[in-house]
C-alpha atoms as a PDB file:
ATOM      1  CA  MET A   1      57.118  39.154  22.970  1.00  0.00           C
ATOM      2  CA  VAL A   2      55.854  39.559  19.231  1.00  0.00           C
ATOM      3  CA  LYS A   3      53.653  37.030  18.223  1.00  0.00           C
ATOM      4  CA  GLU A   4      53.969  35.927  14.262  1.00  0.00           C
ATOM      5  CA  LEU A   5      51.217  36.579  12.270  1.00  0.00           C
ATOM      6  CA  THR A   6      49.419  33.361  10.658  1.00  0.00           C
ATOM      7  CA  ASP A   7      48.306  33.539   6.917  1.00  0.00           C
ATOM      8  CA  ILE A   8      44.734  33.909   8.488  1.00  0.00           C
ATOM      9  CA  ASP A   9      46.123  37.020  10.096  1.00  0.00           C
ATOM     10  CA  LYS A  10      47.753  38.522   7.005  1.00  0.00           C
ATOM     11  CA  ALA A  11      45.088  37.605   5.060  1.00  0.00           C
ATOM     12  CA  ILE A  12      42.930  39.932   6.739  1.00  0.00           C
ATOM     13  CA  VAL A  13      44.906  42.771   6.860  1.00  0.00           C
ATOM     14  CA  ILE A  14      45.577  41.991   3.133  1.00  0.00           C
ATOM     15  CA  LEU A  15      41.502  42.297   2.964  1.00  0.00           C
ATOM     16  CA  GLU A  16      41.174  44.543   4.639  1.00  0.00           C
ATOM     17  CA  LYS A  17      43.885  47.029   3.166  1.00  0.00           C
ATOM     18  CA  THR A  18      42.310  46.021  -0.317  1.00  0.00           C
ATOM     19  CA  ARG A  19      38.510  47.052   0.372  1.00  0.00           C
ATOM     20  CA  ASP A  20      37.735  43.490   1.157  1.00  0.00           C
ATOM     21  CA  GLY A  21      39.972  41.930  -2.015  1.00  0.00           C
ATOM     22  CA  ASP A  22      37.945  44.177  -4.188  1.00  0.00           C
ATOM     23  CA  ASP A  23      41.637  45.987  -5.196  1.00  0.00           C
ATOM     24  CA  LEU A  24      43.240  42.543  -5.716  1.00  0.00           C
ATOM     25  CA  ASP A  25      43.703  41.408  -8.706  1.00  0.00           C
ATOM     26  CA  PRO A  26      41.550  37.938  -9.239  1.00  0.00           C
ATOM     27  CA  LYS A  27      44.727  35.832  -9.204  1.00  0.00           C
ATOM     28  CA  PHE A  28      45.848  37.587  -5.963  1.00  0.00           C
ATOM     29  CA  LEU A  29      42.562  36.844  -4.102  1.00  0.00           C
ATOM     30  CA  GLY A  30      43.007  33.673  -4.850  1.00  0.00           C
ATOM     31  CA  LEU A  31      46.349  33.088  -3.661  1.00  0.00           C
ATOM     32  CA  VAL A  32      44.972  34.593  -0.245  1.00  0.00           C
ATOM     33  CA  GLU A  33      42.154  31.951  -0.579  1.00  0.00           C
ATOM     34  CA  LEU A  34      45.051  29.345  -1.050  1.00  0.00           C
ATOM     35  CA  ALA A  35      46.349  30.543   1.857  1.00  0.00           C
ATOM     36  CA  VAL A  36      43.617  30.897   4.549  1.00  0.00           C
ATOM     37  CA  ASN A  37      42.673  27.170   3.614  1.00  0.00           C
ATOM     38  CA  GLY A  38      46.362  25.703   4.194  1.00  0.00           C
ATOM     39  CA  HIS A  39      47.047  24.702   0.550  1.00  0.00           C
ATOM     40  CA  LEU A  40      50.582  26.680  -0.302  1.00  0.00           C
ATOM     41  CA  ASN A  41      53.537  24.890  -1.570  1.00  0.00           C
ATOM     42  CA  ASN A  42      56.695  26.901  -1.130  1.00  0.00           C
ATOM     43  CA  VAL A  43      56.372  28.974  -3.987  1.00  0.00           C
ATOM     44  CA  GLY A  44      52.826  29.953  -3.039  1.00  0.00           C
ATOM     45  CA  LYS A  45      54.132  30.582   0.246  1.00  0.00           C
ATOM     46  CA  ASP A  46      56.493  33.261  -0.794  1.00  0.00           C
ATOM     47  CA  ALA A  47      54.527  34.882  -3.281  1.00  0.00           C
ATOM     48  CA  PHE A  48      51.987  35.335  -0.727  1.00  0.00           C
ATOM     49  CA  GLU A  49      54.243  36.790   1.289  1.00  0.00           C
ATOM     50  CA  GLY A  50      55.377  39.345  -0.761  1.00  0.00           C
ATOM     51  CA  LEU A  51      51.655  39.940  -1.537  1.00  0.00           C
ATOM     52  CA  TYR A  52      51.553  40.876   2.031  1.00  0.00           C
ATOM     53  CA  LEU A  53      54.259  42.934   2.486  1.00  0.00           C
ATOM     54  CA  GLU A  54      53.837  45.023  -0.888  1.00  0.00           C
ATOM     55  CA  VAL A  55      50.269  45.592   0.644  1.00  0.00           C
ATOM     56  CA  VAL A  56      51.327  46.655   4.231  1.00  0.00           C
ATOM     57  CA  LYS A  57      53.836  49.368   2.585  1.00  0.00           C
ATOM     58  CA  GLY A  58      51.359  50.538   0.750  1.00  0.00           C
ATOM     59  CA  MET A  59      53.076  49.399  -2.540  1.00  0.00           C
ATOM     60  CA  TYR A  60      50.407  47.017  -3.594  1.00  0.00           C
ATOM     61  CA  LYS A  61      49.677  48.010  -7.404  1.00  0.00           C
ATOM     62  CA  ARG A  62      46.703  46.443  -9.181  1.00  0.00           C
ATOM     63  CA  PRO A  63      48.867  44.928 -12.075  1.00  0.00           C
ATOM     64  CA  TRP A  64      46.940  45.724 -15.791  1.00  0.00           C
ATOM     65  CA  PHE A  65      45.203  42.730 -17.778  1.00  0.00           C
ATOM     66  CA  HIS A  66      48.063  41.198 -19.547  1.00  0.00           C
ATOM     67  CA  GLY A  67      50.228  43.714 -19.222  1.00  0.00           C
ATOM     68  CA  VAL A  68      47.661  45.956 -21.443  1.00  0.00           C
ATOM     69  CA  GLU A  69      48.061  49.285 -19.828  1.00  0.00           C
ATOM     70  CA  HIS A  70      44.297  50.735 -18.219  1.00  0.00           C
ATOM     71  CA  LEU A  71      42.934  47.440 -18.293  1.00  0.00           C
ATOM     72  CA  VAL A  72      41.625  45.822 -15.062  1.00  0.00           C
ATOM     73  CA  ILE A  73      39.982  42.516 -14.539  1.00  0.00           C
ATOM     74  CA  ASN A  74      37.542  42.078 -11.753  1.00  0.00           C
ATOM     75  CA  HIS A  75      36.604  39.313  -9.536  1.00  0.00           C
ATOM     76  CA  GLU A  76      33.237  38.347 -11.793  1.00  0.00           C
ATOM     77  CA  GLY A  77      35.450  38.471 -15.108  1.00  0.00           C
ATOM     78  CA  TYR A  78      34.455  42.156 -15.936  1.00  0.00           C
ATOM     79  CA  VAL A  79      37.217  44.100 -17.811  1.00  0.00           C
ATOM     80  CA  TYR A  80      37.452  47.827 -17.115  1.00  0.00           C
ATOM     81  CA  TRP A  81      39.194  50.774 -19.124  1.00  0.00           C
ATOM     82  CA  LYS A  82      40.248  53.513 -17.192  1.00  0.00           C
ATOM     83  CA  GLY A  83      37.108  52.691 -14.655  1.00  0.00           C
ATOM     84  CA  ASN A  84      35.016  52.140 -17.586  1.00  0.00           C
ATOM     85  CA  LYS A  85      33.158  48.683 -18.067  1.00  0.00           C
ATOM     86  CA  VAL A  86      34.345  47.365 -21.841  1.00  0.00           C
ATOM     87  CA  GLU A  87      34.420  43.729 -21.649  1.00  0.00           C
ATOM     88  CA  HIS A  88      33.704  40.395 -19.664  1.00  0.00           C
ATOM     89  CA  PHE A  89      35.858  37.461 -19.608  1.00  0.00           C
ATOM     90  CA  THR A  90      35.164  33.780 -17.599  1.00  0.00           C
ATOM     91  CA  LEU A  91      37.746  33.939 -14.933  1.00  0.00           C
ATOM     92  CA  ARG A  92      38.836  30.506 -15.781  1.00  0.00           C
ATOM     93  CA  LEU A  93      39.261  31.352 -19.451  1.00  0.00           C
ATOM     94  CA  ALA A  94      40.716  34.904 -18.906  1.00  0.00           C
ATOM     95  CA  TYR A  95      44.393  34.004 -18.415  1.00  0.00           C
ATOM     96  CA  LYS A  96      44.564  31.723 -21.409  1.00  0.00           C
ATOM     97  CA  ASP A  97      46.807  32.636 -24.247  1.00  0.00           C
ATOM     98  CA  SER A  98      43.718  33.508 -26.539  1.00  0.00           C
ATOM     99  CA  ALA A  99      42.446  35.913 -24.201  1.00  0.00           C
ATOM    100  CA  LYS A 100      46.000  37.981 -23.972  1.00  0.00           C
ATOM    101  CA  LYS A 101      45.216  38.534 -27.279  1.00  0.00           C
ATOM    102  CA  GLN A 102      41.740  39.552 -27.115  1.00  0.00           C
ATOM    103  CA  ALA A 103      42.810  41.746 -24.258  1.00  0.00           C
ATOM    104  CA  ILE A 104      45.175  43.359 -26.663  1.00  0.00           C
ATOM    105  CA  GLU A 105      42.999  44.433 -29.424  1.00  0.00           C
ATOM    106  CA  LEU A 106      40.479  45.597 -26.567  1.00  0.00           C
ATOM    107  CA  GLY A 107      43.071  47.957 -25.482  1.00  0.00           C
ATOM    108  CA  ARG A 108      43.873  48.793 -29.187  1.00  0.00           C
ATOM    109  CA  ARG A 109      40.096  49.550 -29.283  1.00  0.00           C
ATOM    110  CA  CYS A 110      40.061  51.705 -26.545  1.00  0.00           C
ATOM    111  CA  LYS A 111      43.073  53.993 -27.651  1.00  0.00           C
ATOM    112  CA  ILE A 112      41.520  54.594 -31.382  1.00  0.00           C
ATOM    113  CA  LEU A 113      37.897  55.671 -29.320  1.00  0.00           C
ATOM    114  CA  GLU A 114      39.869  57.812 -26.815  1.00  0.00           C
ATOM    115  CA  GLY A 115      41.776  59.538 -29.665  1.00  0.00           C
ATOM    116  CA  LYS A 116      38.451  60.240 -31.416  1.00  0.00           C
ATOM    117  CA  GLY A 117      37.187  61.552 -28.054  1.00  0.00           C
ATOM    118  CA  ILE A 118      34.786  58.596 -27.436  1.00  0.00           C
ATOM    119  CA  VAL A 119      34.521  57.202 -23.775  1.00  0.00           C
ATOM    120  CA  PRO A 120      35.330  53.553 -24.125  1.00  0.00           C
ATOM    121  CA  SER A 121      32.354  51.189 -23.411  1.00  0.00           C
ATOM    122  CA  THR A 122      31.027  47.500 -23.890  1.00  0.00           C
ATOM    123  CA  GLY A 123      28.705  48.685 -26.871  1.00  0.00           C
ATOM    124  CA  ASN A 124      31.544  50.432 -28.790  1.00  0.00           C
ATOM    125  CA  THR A 125      34.664  48.408 -28.338  1.00  0.00           C
ATOM    126  CA  VAL A 126      32.877  44.723 -28.412  1.00  0.00           C
ATOM    127  CA  TRP A 127      29.150  44.934 -30.159  1.00  0.00           C
ATOM    128  CA  ASN A 128      29.228  47.959 -32.101  1.00  0.00           C
ATOM    129  CA  TRP A 129      32.996  48.062 -33.086  1.00  0.00           C
ATOM    130  CA  LYS A 130      33.582  49.847 -36.186  1.00  0.00           C
ATOM    131  CA  GLU A 131      37.328  50.343 -37.034  1.00  0.00           C
END
């Protein structure tokens, strides 16, 4: 008889397959936390099951931050462009509309710098930005 996995078992699998959650988008890490603590509603349960299946099948791909290609955010709020740290957001504010506008602008700046052969960084995309 095959034992059905609990949400905790599934969370362990997700964490194991995503480098202890380091490869998860912060929103998905929060979803895993809610599942472990038994705080998911029906919509959350469906989302958690979907995440579990994507991870197990090797199909999970970290989403772009606010849909801006090549931008990702980690669990501490650091934003990376193709692996280079370019900005920091307070996580509780990172998914607001104002942050989306900032992310779009940040992506635009990174593309401009890359087009000039410059590797984007926090210094040249934020602190010392010159159009």
